[in-house]
Amino acid sequence: MLEEFDTMRITACKAEEDYKLWLRFEDGLEGRVFLGNLLEIGAFQLWRDVREFEKVSVDPETATVTWEGGIRLDADILYHDVKANQIQHAGGEVPPAVG
């Protein structure tokens, strides 16, 4: 069912300090997301060793971020989070969702 929708594709990523992840998407959107809030959840506990978090890469087939141990995050959700962070930090008014 997911194949019916266009999904956002990540083209580059980089782990940064304090469990932030910088991302670039194929449409040119770039930004950061904070993932430290996941540290208490199941497989994400591996990230308590920050060196594990820093092993992030982009999976060439799925075009999303992945880590050893099978951790991968949904690119569409990450895209939404990056876009929301940009609006929040723009310092201006948030544009209306509907036209």
PDB file of N, CA and C in Angstrom:
ATOM      1  N   MET A   1       0.817  -1.193   0.000  1.00  0.00           N
ATOM      2  CA  MET A   1       0.000   0.000   0.000  1.00  0.00           C
ATOM      3  C   MET A   1       0.863   1.260   0.000  1.00  0.00           C
ATOM      4  N   LEU A   2       2.012   1.217   0.636  1.00  0.00           N
ATOM      5  CA  LEU A   2       2.884   2.377   0.645  1.00  0.00           C
ATOM      6  C   LEU A   2       3.376   2.747  -0.747  1.00  0.00           C
ATOM      7  N   GLU A   3       3.434   1.763  -1.648  1.00  0.00           N
ATOM      8  CA  GLU A   3       3.933   2.023  -2.992  1.00  0.00           C
ATOM      9  C   GLU A   3       3.041   2.995  -3.757  1.00  0.00           C
ATOM     10  N   GLU A   4       1.808   3.160  -3.307  1.00  0.00           N
ATOM     11  CA  GLU A   4       0.877   4.051  -3.989  1.00  0.00           C
ATOM     12  C   GLU A   4       1.208   5.525  -3.758  1.00  0.00           C
ATOM     13  N   PHE A   5       1.975   5.821  -2.738  1.00  0.00           N
ATOM     14  CA  PHE A   5       2.245   7.201  -2.371  1.00  0.00           C
ATOM     15  C   PHE A   5       3.688   7.558  -2.695  1.00  0.00           C
ATOM     16  N   ASP A   6       3.910   8.828  -3.002  1.00  0.00           N
ATOM     17  CA  ASP A   6       5.278   9.304  -3.151  1.00  0.00           C
ATOM     18  C   ASP A   6       5.860   9.451  -1.763  1.00  0.00           C
ATOM     19  N   THR A   7       7.020   8.848  -1.558  1.00  0.00           N
ATOM     20  CA  THR A   7       7.668   9.015  -0.267  1.00  0.00           C
ATOM     21  C   THR A   7       8.863   9.933  -0.449  1.00  0.00           C
ATOM     22  N   MET A   8       9.169  10.647   0.604  1.00  0.00           N
ATOM     23  CA  MET A   8      10.322  11.527   0.582  1.00  0.00           C
ATOM     24  C   MET A   8      11.582  10.673   0.629  1.00  0.00           C
ATOM     25  N   ARG A   9      12.576  11.048  -0.147  1.00  0.00           N
ATOM     26  CA  ARG A   9      13.822  10.298  -0.202  1.00  0.00           C
ATOM     27  C   ARG A   9      14.940  11.137   0.402  1.00  0.00           C
ATOM     28  N   ILE A  10      15.681  10.532   1.315  1.00  0.00           N
ATOM     29  CA  ILE A  10      16.813  11.197   1.948  1.00  0.00           C
ATOM     30  C   ILE A  10      18.038  10.969   1.073  1.00  0.00           C
ATOM     31  N   THR A  11      18.774  12.038   0.798  1.00  0.00           N
ATOM     32  CA  THR A  11      19.964  11.920  -0.050  1.00  0.00           C
ATOM     33  C   THR A  11      21.258  12.041   0.745  1.00  0.00           C
ATOM     34  N   ALA A  12      21.195  12.620   1.950  1.00  0.00           N
ATOM     35  CA  ALA A  12      22.398  12.750   2.780  1.00  0.00           C
ATOM     36  C   ALA A  12      21.990  12.887   4.235  1.00  0.00           C
ATOM     37  N   CYS A  13      22.884  12.441   5.128  1.00  0.00           N
ATOM     38  CA  CYS A  13      22.627  12.577   6.560  1.00  0.00           C
ATOM     39  C   CYS A  13      23.948  12.661   7.301  1.00  0.00           C
ATOM     40  N   LYS A  14      23.875  13.225   8.501  1.00  0.00           N
ATOM     41  CA  LYS A  14      25.064  13.324   9.338  1.00  0.00           C
ATOM     42  C   LYS A  14      24.635  13.403  10.796  1.00  0.00           C
ATOM     43  N   ALA A  15      25.228  12.556  11.631  1.00  0.00           N
ATOM     44  CA  ALA A  15      24.971  12.621  13.067  1.00  0.00           C
ATOM     45  C   ALA A  15      25.696  13.834  13.628  1.00  0.00           C
ATOM     46  N   GLU A  16      25.014  14.569  14.490  1.00  0.00           N
ATOM     47  CA  GLU A  16      25.603  15.732  15.141  1.00  0.00           C
ATOM     48  C   GLU A  16      25.501  15.550  16.651  1.00  0.00           C
ATOM     49  N   GLU A  17      26.086  16.480  17.392  1.00  0.00           N
ATOM     50  CA  GLU A  17      26.096  16.342  18.849  1.00  0.00           C
ATOM     51  C   GLU A  17      24.691  16.418  19.421  1.00  0.00           C
ATOM     52  N   ASP A  18      24.539  15.871  20.621  1.00  0.00           N
ATOM     53  CA  ASP A  18      23.282  15.885  21.360  1.00  0.00           C
ATOM     54  C   ASP A  18      22.160  15.155  20.614  1.00  0.00           C
ATOM     55  N   TYR A  19      22.511  14.077  19.917  1.00  0.00           N
ATOM     56  CA  TYR A  19      21.536  13.225  19.224  1.00  0.00           C
ATOM     57  C   TYR A  19      20.699  13.979  18.200  1.00  0.00           C
ATOM     58  N   LYS A  20      21.342  14.921  17.535  1.00  0.00           N
ATOM     59  CA  LYS A  20      20.686  15.593  16.412  1.00  0.00           C
ATOM     60  C   LYS A  20      21.160  14.932  15.129  1.00  0.00           C
ATOM     61  N   LEU A  21      20.258  14.889  14.175  1.00  0.00           N
ATOM     62  CA  LEU A  21      20.563  14.307  12.879  1.00  0.00           C
ATOM     63  C   LEU A  21      20.261  15.351  11.810  1.00  0.00           C
ATOM     64  N   TRP A  22      21.292  15.682  11.021  1.00  0.00           N
ATOM     65  CA  TRP A  22      21.101  16.601   9.896  1.00  0.00           C
ATOM     66  C   TRP A  22      20.720  15.754   8.683  1.00  0.00           C
ATOM     67  N   LEU A  23      19.723  16.218   7.948  1.00  0.00           N
ATOM     68  CA  LEU A  23      19.207  15.477   6.783  1.00  0.00           C
ATOM     69  C   LEU A  23      19.053  16.387   5.585  1.00  0.00           C
ATOM     70  N   ARG A  24      19.247  15.813   4.400  1.00  0.00           N
ATOM     71  CA  ARG A  24      18.912  16.494   3.149  1.00  0.00           C
ATOM     72  C   ARG A  24      18.008  15.545   2.359  1.00  0.00           C
ATOM     73  N   PHE A  25      16.937  16.119   1.829  1.00  0.00           N
ATOM     74  CA  PHE A  25      15.976  15.338   1.045  1.00  0.00           C
ATOM     75  C   PHE A  25      16.129  15.662  -0.428  1.00  0.00           C
ATOM     76  N   GLU A  26      15.606  14.791  -1.282  1.00  0.00           N
ATOM     77  CA  GLU A  26      15.810  14.953  -2.720  1.00  0.00           C
ATOM     78  C   GLU A  26      15.194  16.220  -3.289  1.00  0.00           C
ATOM     79  N   ASP A  27      14.231  16.806  -2.586  1.00  0.00           N
ATOM     80  CA  ASP A  27      13.647  18.061  -3.074  1.00  0.00           C
ATOM     81  C   ASP A  27      14.446  19.283  -2.625  1.00  0.00           C
ATOM     82  N   GLY A  28      15.571  19.049  -1.902  1.00  0.00           N
ATOM     83  CA  GLY A  28      16.428  20.141  -1.477  1.00  0.00           C
ATOM     84  C   GLY A  28      16.225  20.580  -0.036  1.00  0.00           C
ATOM     85  N   LEU A  29      15.154  20.130   0.615  1.00  0.00           N
ATOM     86  CA  LEU A  29      14.927  20.490   2.013  1.00  0.00           C
ATOM     87  C   LEU A  29      16.067  19.928   2.867  1.00  0.00           C
ATOM     88  N   GLU A  30      16.607  20.775   3.734  1.00  0.00           N
ATOM     89  CA  GLU A  30      17.656  20.369   4.663  1.00  0.00           C
ATOM     90  C   GLU A  30      17.274  20.833   6.051  1.00  0.00           C
ATOM     91  N   GLY A  31      17.694  20.077   7.041  1.00  0.00           N
ATOM     92  CA  GLY A  31      17.443  20.499   8.411  1.00  0.00           C
ATOM     93  C   GLY A  31      17.814  19.424   9.403  1.00  0.00           C
ATOM     94  N   ARG A  32      17.523  19.725  10.668  1.00  0.00           N
ATOM     95  CA  ARG A  32      17.904  18.835  11.756  1.00  0.00           C
ATOM     96  C   ARG A  32      16.677  18.343  12.516  1.00  0.00           C
ATOM     97  N   VAL A  33      16.824  17.132  13.050  1.00  0.00           N
ATOM     98  CA  VAL A  33      15.820  16.588  13.956  1.00  0.00           C
ATOM     99  C   VAL A  33      16.546  16.084  15.194  1.00  0.00           C
ATOM    100  N   PHE A  34      15.886  16.173  16.333  1.00  0.00           N
ATOM    101  CA  PHE A  34      16.421  15.676  17.591  1.00  0.00           C
ATOM    102  C   PHE A  34      15.854  14.286  17.823  1.00  0.00           C
ATOM    103  N   LEU A  35      16.741  13.306  18.037  1.00  0.00           N
ATOM    104  CA  LEU A  35      16.298  11.926  18.228  1.00  0.00           C
ATOM    105  C   LEU A  35      16.604  11.396  19.621  1.00  0.00           C
ATOM    106  N   GLY A  36      17.114  12.240  20.499  1.00  0.00           N
ATOM    107  CA  GLY A  36      17.455  11.814  21.852  1.00  0.00           C
ATOM    108  C   GLY A  36      16.265  11.315  22.653  1.00  0.00           C
ATOM    109  N   ASN A  37      15.070  11.735  22.256  1.00  0.00           N
ATOM    110  CA  ASN A  37      13.866  11.286  22.953  1.00  0.00           C
ATOM    111  C   ASN A  37      13.564   9.800  22.705  1.00  0.00           C
ATOM    112  N   LEU A  38      14.277   9.169  21.786  1.00  0.00           N
ATOM    113  CA  LEU A  38      14.058   7.748  21.489  1.00  0.00           C
ATOM    114  C   LEU A  38      14.946   6.826  22.321  1.00  0.00           C
ATOM    115  N   LEU A  39      15.874   7.376  23.096  1.00  0.00           N
ATOM    116  CA  LEU A  39      16.884   6.586  23.801  1.00  0.00           C
ATOM    117  C   LEU A  39      16.327   5.548  24.767  1.00  0.00           C
ATOM    118  N   GLU A  40      15.127   5.727  25.241  1.00  0.00           N
ATOM    119  CA  GLU A  40      14.546   4.797  26.213  1.00  0.00           C
ATOM    120  C   GLU A  40      13.714   3.705  25.560  1.00  0.00           C
ATOM    121  N   ILE A  41      13.613   3.715  24.241  1.00  0.00           N
ATOM    122  CA  ILE A  41      12.728   2.792  23.540  1.00  0.00           C
ATOM    123  C   ILE A  41      13.528   1.659  22.909  1.00  0.00           C
ATOM    124  N   GLY A  42      13.220   0.425  23.284  1.00  0.00           N
ATOM    125  CA  GLY A  42      13.747  -0.788  22.670  1.00  0.00           C
ATOM    126  C   GLY A  42      15.123  -0.696  22.050  1.00  0.00           C
ATOM    127  N   ALA A  43      15.179  -0.917  20.741  1.00  0.00           N
ATOM    128  CA  ALA A  43      16.447  -0.985  20.009  1.00  0.00           C
ATOM    129  C   ALA A  43      17.227   0.324  20.055  1.00  0.00           C
ATOM    130  N   PHE A  44      16.545   1.438  20.262  1.00  0.00           N
ATOM    131  CA  PHE A  44      17.219   2.736  20.292  1.00  0.00           C
ATOM    132  C   PHE A  44      18.148   2.894  21.496  1.00  0.00           C
ATOM    133  N   GLN A  45      18.006   2.006  22.484  1.00  0.00           N
ATOM    134  CA  GLN A  45      18.877   2.064  23.656  1.00  0.00           C
ATOM    135  C   GLN A  45      20.341   1.851  23.276  1.00  0.00           C
ATOM    136  N   LEU A  46      20.587   1.235  22.127  1.00  0.00           N
ATOM    137  CA  LEU A  46      21.960   1.094  21.627  1.00  0.00           C
ATOM    138  C   LEU A  46      22.629   2.456  21.474  1.00  0.00           C
ATOM    139  N   TRP A  47      21.832   3.484  21.211  1.00  0.00           N
ATOM    140  CA  TRP A  47      22.365   4.831  20.987  1.00  0.00           C
ATOM    141  C   TRP A  47      22.906   5.474  22.250  1.00  0.00           C
ATOM    142  N   ARG A  48      22.670   4.852  23.399  1.00  0.00           N
ATOM    143  CA  ARG A  48      23.250   5.402  24.626  1.00  0.00           C
ATOM    144  C   ARG A  48      24.766   5.498  24.478  1.00  0.00           C
ATOM    145  N   ASP A  49      25.322   4.583  23.680  1.00  0.00           N
ATOM    146  CA  ASP A  49      26.718   4.715  23.245  1.00  0.00           C
ATOM    147  C   ASP A  49      26.657   5.588  21.995  1.00  0.00           C
ATOM    148  N   VAL A  50      27.005   6.850  22.144  1.00  0.00           N
ATOM    149  CA  VAL A  50      26.839   7.819  21.064  1.00  0.00           C
ATOM    150  C   VAL A  50      27.563   7.378  19.785  1.00  0.00           C
ATOM    151  N   ARG A  51      28.583   6.556  19.917  1.00  0.00           N
ATOM    152  CA  ARG A  51      29.289   6.055  18.723  1.00  0.00           C
ATOM    153  C   ARG A  51      28.363   5.213  17.853  1.00  0.00           C
ATOM    154  N   GLU A  52      27.398   4.549  18.464  1.00  0.00           N
ATOM    155  CA  GLU A  52      26.412   3.778  17.691  1.00  0.00           C
ATOM    156  C   GLU A  52      25.482   4.713  16.919  1.00  0.00           C
ATOM    157  N   PHE A  53      25.075   5.793  17.565  1.00  0.00           N
ATOM    158  CA  PHE A  53      24.228   6.777  16.896  1.00  0.00           C
ATOM    159  C   PHE A  53      24.953   7.378  15.695  1.00  0.00           C
ATOM    160  N   GLU A  54      26.250   7.603  15.845  1.00  0.00           N
ATOM    161  CA  GLU A  54      27.048   8.236  14.790  1.00  0.00           C
ATOM    162  C   GLU A  54      27.245   7.340  13.570  1.00  0.00           C
ATOM    163  N   LYS A  55      26.865   6.078  13.651  1.00  0.00           N
ATOM    164  CA  LYS A  55      27.023   5.140  12.530  1.00  0.00           C
ATOM    165  C   LYS A  55      25.859   5.209  11.539  1.00  0.00           C
ATOM    166  N   VAL A  56      25.127   6.277  11.554  1.00  0.00           N
ATOM    167  CA  VAL A  56      23.981   6.441  10.660  1.00  0.00           C
ATOM    168  C   VAL A  56      24.439   6.487   9.203  1.00  0.00           C
ATOM    169  N   SER A  57      23.606   5.969   8.331  1.00  0.00           N
ATOM    170  CA  SER A  57      23.872   6.055   6.891  1.00  0.00           C
ATOM    171  C   SER A  57      22.539   6.079   6.149  1.00  0.00           C
ATOM    172  N   VAL A  58      22.600   6.411   4.873  1.00  0.00           N
ATOM    173  CA  VAL A  58      21.406   6.391   4.030  1.00  0.00           C
ATOM    174  C   VAL A  58      21.389   5.067   3.278  1.00  0.00           C
ATOM    175  N   ASP A  59      20.303   4.338   3.415  1.00  0.00           N
ATOM    176  CA  ASP A  59      20.133   3.083   2.691  1.00  0.00           C
ATOM    177  C   ASP A  59      19.863   3.417   1.229  1.00  0.00           C
ATOM    178  N   PRO A  60      20.704   2.942   0.302  1.00  0.00           N
ATOM    179  CA  PRO A  60      20.534   3.312  -1.109  1.00  0.00           C
ATOM    180  C   PRO A  60      19.240   2.778  -1.733  1.00  0.00           C
ATOM    181  N   GLU A  61      18.707   1.691  -1.210  1.00  0.00           N
ATOM    182  CA  GLU A  61      17.468   1.139  -1.782  1.00  0.00           C
ATOM    183  C   GLU A  61      16.229   1.861  -1.291  1.00  0.00           C
ATOM    184  N   THR A  62      16.162   2.111   0.018  1.00  0.00           N
ATOM    185  CA  THR A  62      14.958   2.711   0.588  1.00  0.00           C
ATOM    186  C   THR A  62      15.061   4.223   0.733  1.00  0.00           C
ATOM    187  N   ALA A  63      16.262   4.774   0.599  1.00  0.00           N
ATOM    188  CA  ALA A  63      16.517   6.213   0.711  1.00  0.00           C
ATOM    189  C   ALA A  63      16.021   6.788   2.031  1.00  0.00           C
ATOM    190  N   THR A  64      16.246   6.009   3.095  1.00  0.00           N
ATOM    191  CA  THR A  64      15.979   6.511   4.431  1.00  0.00           C
ATOM    192  C   THR A  64      17.193   6.228   5.301  1.00  0.00           C
ATOM    193  N   VAL A  65      17.200   6.780   6.512  1.00  0.00           N
ATOM    194  CA  VAL A  65      18.346   6.588   7.394  1.00  0.00           C
ATOM    195  C   VAL A  65      18.259   5.236   8.083  1.00  0.00           C
ATOM    196  N   THR A  66      19.432   4.653   8.293  1.00  0.00           N
ATOM    197  CA  THR A  66      19.502   3.332   8.896  1.00  0.00           C
ATOM    198  C   THR A  66      20.747   3.221   9.764  1.00  0.00           C
ATOM    199  N   TRP A  67      20.664   2.334  10.725  1.00  0.00           N
ATOM    200  CA  TRP A  67      21.785   2.032  11.618  1.00  0.00           C
ATOM    201  C   TRP A  67      21.962   0.527  11.668  1.00  0.00           C
ATOM    202  N   GLU A  68      23.129   0.100  12.141  1.00  0.00           N
ATOM    203  CA  GLU A  68      23.359  -1.324  12.350  1.00  0.00           C
ATOM    204  C   GLU A  68      22.315  -1.842  13.326  1.00  0.00           C
ATOM    205  N   GLY A  69      21.979  -3.106  13.195  1.00  0.00           N
ATOM    206  CA  GLY A  69      20.975  -3.684  14.073  1.00  0.00           C
ATOM    207  C   GLY A  69      19.566  -3.551  13.527  1.00  0.00           C
ATOM    208  N   GLY A  70      19.436  -3.014  12.321  1.00  0.00           N
ATOM    209  CA  GLY A  70      18.131  -2.954  11.674  1.00  0.00           C
ATOM    210  C   GLY A  70      17.291  -1.740  11.994  1.00  0.00           C
ATOM    211  N   ILE A  71      17.854  -0.758  12.683  1.00  0.00           N
ATOM    212  CA  ILE A  71      17.084   0.457  12.969  1.00  0.00           C
ATOM    213  C   ILE A  71      16.993   1.291  11.697  1.00  0.00           C
ATOM    214  N   ARG A  72      15.779   1.649  11.322  1.00  0.00           N
ATOM    215  CA  ARG A  72      15.568   2.589  10.219  1.00  0.00           C
ATOM    216  C   ARG A  72      14.366   3.443  10.557  1.00  0.00           C
ATOM    217  N   LEU A  73      14.428   4.678  10.129  1.00  0.00           N
ATOM    218  CA  LEU A  73      13.355   5.625  10.441  1.00  0.00           C
ATOM    219  C   LEU A  73      12.602   6.014   9.174  1.00  0.00           C
ATOM    220  N   ASP A  74      11.338   6.283   9.321  1.00  0.00           N
ATOM    221  CA  ASP A  74      10.474   6.638   8.204  1.00  0.00           C
ATOM    222  C   ASP A  74      10.850   8.007   7.649  1.00  0.00           C
ATOM    223  N   ALA A  75      11.215   8.057   6.389  1.00  0.00           N
ATOM    224  CA  ALA A  75      11.659   9.306   5.757  1.00  0.00           C
ATOM    225  C   ALA A  75      10.547  10.346   5.703  1.00  0.00           C
ATOM    226  N   ASP A  76       9.314   9.925   5.537  1.00  0.00           N
ATOM    227  CA  ASP A  76       8.201  10.873   5.482  1.00  0.00           C
ATOM    228  C   ASP A  76       8.010  11.590   6.819  1.00  0.00           C
ATOM    229  N   ILE A  77       8.137  10.851   7.908  1.00  0.00           N
ATOM    230  CA  ILE A  77       7.998  11.450   9.237  1.00  0.00           C
ATOM    231  C   ILE A  77       9.162  12.400   9.492  1.00  0.00           C
ATOM    232  N   LEU A  78      10.370  11.987   9.121  1.00  0.00           N
ATOM    233  CA  LEU A  78      11.535  12.859   9.289  1.00  0.00           C
ATOM    234  C   LEU A  78      11.372  14.140   8.476  1.00  0.00           C
ATOM    235  N   TYR A  79      10.853  14.018   7.260  1.00  0.00           N
ATOM    236  CA  TYR A  79      10.623  15.184   6.408  1.00  0.00           C
ATOM    237  C   TYR A  79       9.666  16.161   7.099  1.00  0.00           C
ATOM    238  N   HIS A  80       8.574  15.621   7.608  1.00  0.00           N
ATOM    239  CA  HIS A  80       7.589  16.442   8.312  1.00  0.00           C
ATOM    240  C   HIS A  80       8.237  17.146   9.505  1.00  0.00           C
ATOM    241  N   ASP A  81       9.067  16.417  10.262  1.00  0.00           N
ATOM    242  CA  ASP A  81       9.726  16.996  11.439  1.00  0.00           C
ATOM    243  C   ASP A  81      10.698  18.108  11.044  1.00  0.00           C
ATOM    244  N   VAL A  82      11.471  17.893   9.990  1.00  0.00           N
ATOM    245  CA  VAL A  82      12.412  18.926   9.532  1.00  0.00           C
ATOM    246  C   VAL A  82      11.642  20.158   9.099  1.00  0.00           C
ATOM    247  N   LYS A  83      10.584  19.959   8.336  1.00  0.00           N
ATOM    248  CA  LYS A  83       9.781  21.090   7.849  1.00  0.00           C
ATOM    249  C   LYS A  83       9.142  21.837   9.020  1.00  0.00           C
ATOM    250  N   ALA A  84       8.625  21.111  10.002  1.00  0.00           N
ATOM    251  CA  ALA A  84       8.007  21.730  11.173  1.00  0.00           C
ATOM    252  C   ALA A  84       9.041  22.528  11.970  1.00  0.00           C
ATOM    253  N   ASN A  85      10.250  22.005  12.099  1.00  0.00           N
ATOM    254  CA  ASN A  85      11.315  22.711  12.814  1.00  0.00           C
ATOM    255  C   ASN A  85      11.678  24.013  12.110  1.00  0.00           C
ATOM    256  N   GLN A  86      11.681  24.002  10.787  1.00  0.00           N
ATOM    257  CA  GLN A  86      12.013  25.213  10.037  1.00  0.00           C
ATOM    258  C   GLN A  86      10.953  26.286  10.236  1.00  0.00           C
ATOM    259  N   ILE A  87       9.708  25.899  10.238  1.00  0.00           N
ATOM    260  CA  ILE A  87       8.614  26.856  10.442  1.00  0.00           C
ATOM    261  C   ILE A  87       8.702  27.428  11.849  1.00  0.00           C
ATOM    262  N   GLN A  88       8.967  26.550  12.829  1.00  0.00           N
ATOM    263  CA  GLN A  88       9.047  26.958  14.225  1.00  0.00           C
ATOM    264  C   GLN A  88      10.178  27.956  14.456  1.00  0.00           C
ATOM    265  N   HIS A  89      11.309  27.766  13.774  1.00  0.00           N
ATOM    266  CA  HIS A  89      12.481  28.605  13.997  1.00  0.00           C
ATOM    267  C   HIS A  89      12.580  29.781  13.021  1.00  0.00           C
ATOM    268  N   ALA A  90      11.611  29.927  12.153  1.00  0.00           N
ATOM    269  CA  ALA A  90      11.664  30.996  11.156  1.00  0.00           C
ATOM    270  C   ALA A  90      11.437  32.364  11.786  1.00  0.00           C
ATOM    271  N   GLY A  91      10.842  32.380  12.961  1.00  0.00           N
ATOM    272  CA  GLY A  91      10.622  33.642  13.653  1.00  0.00           C
ATOM    273  C   GLY A  91       9.406  34.405  13.172  1.00  0.00           C
ATOM    274  N   GLY A  92       8.783  33.901  12.145  1.00  0.00           N
ATOM    275  CA  GLY A  92       7.599  34.570  11.622  1.00  0.00           C
ATOM    276  C   GLY A  92       6.352  33.825  11.992  1.00  0.00           C
ATOM    277  N   GLU A  93       5.258  34.261  11.406  1.00  0.00           N
ATOM    278  CA  GLU A  93       3.997  33.605  11.672  1.00  0.00           C
ATOM    279  C   GLU A  93       3.963  32.286  10.907  1.00  0.00           C
ATOM    280  N   VAL A  94       3.264  31.333  11.500  1.00  0.00           N
ATOM    281  CA  VAL A  94       3.078  30.051  10.835  1.00  0.00           C
ATOM    282  C   VAL A  94       1.990  30.228   9.788  1.00  0.00           C
ATOM    283  N   PRO A  95       2.268  29.876   8.530  1.00  0.00           N
ATOM    284  CA  PRO A  95       1.250  30.045   7.500  1.00  0.00           C
ATOM    285  C   PRO A  95       0.062  29.106   7.745  1.00  0.00           C
ATOM    286  N   PRO A  96      -1.110  29.494   7.320  1.00  0.00           N
ATOM    287  CA  PRO A  96      -2.264  28.618   7.512  1.00  0.00           C
ATOM    288  C   PRO A  96      -2.101  27.337   6.722  1.00  0.00           C
ATOM    289  N   ALA A  97      -2.620  26.236   7.270  1.00  0.00           N
ATOM    290  CA  ALA A  97      -2.497  24.939   6.615  1.00  0.00           C
ATOM    291  C   ALA A  97      -3.382  24.851   5.382  1.00  0.00           C
ATOM    292  N   VAL A  98      -4.458  25.601   5.377  1.00  0.00           N
ATOM    293  CA  VAL A  98      -5.393  25.566   4.249  1.00  0.00           C
ATOM    294  C   VAL A  98      -5.498  26.972   3.700  1.00  0.00           C
ATOM    295  N   GLY A  99      -5.458  27.066   2.355  1.00  0.00           N
ATOM    296  CA  GLY A  99      -5.402  28.220   1.648  1.00  0.00           C
ATOM    297  C   GLY A  99      -6.058  29.455   1.626  1.00  0.00           C
TER     298      GLY A  99
END
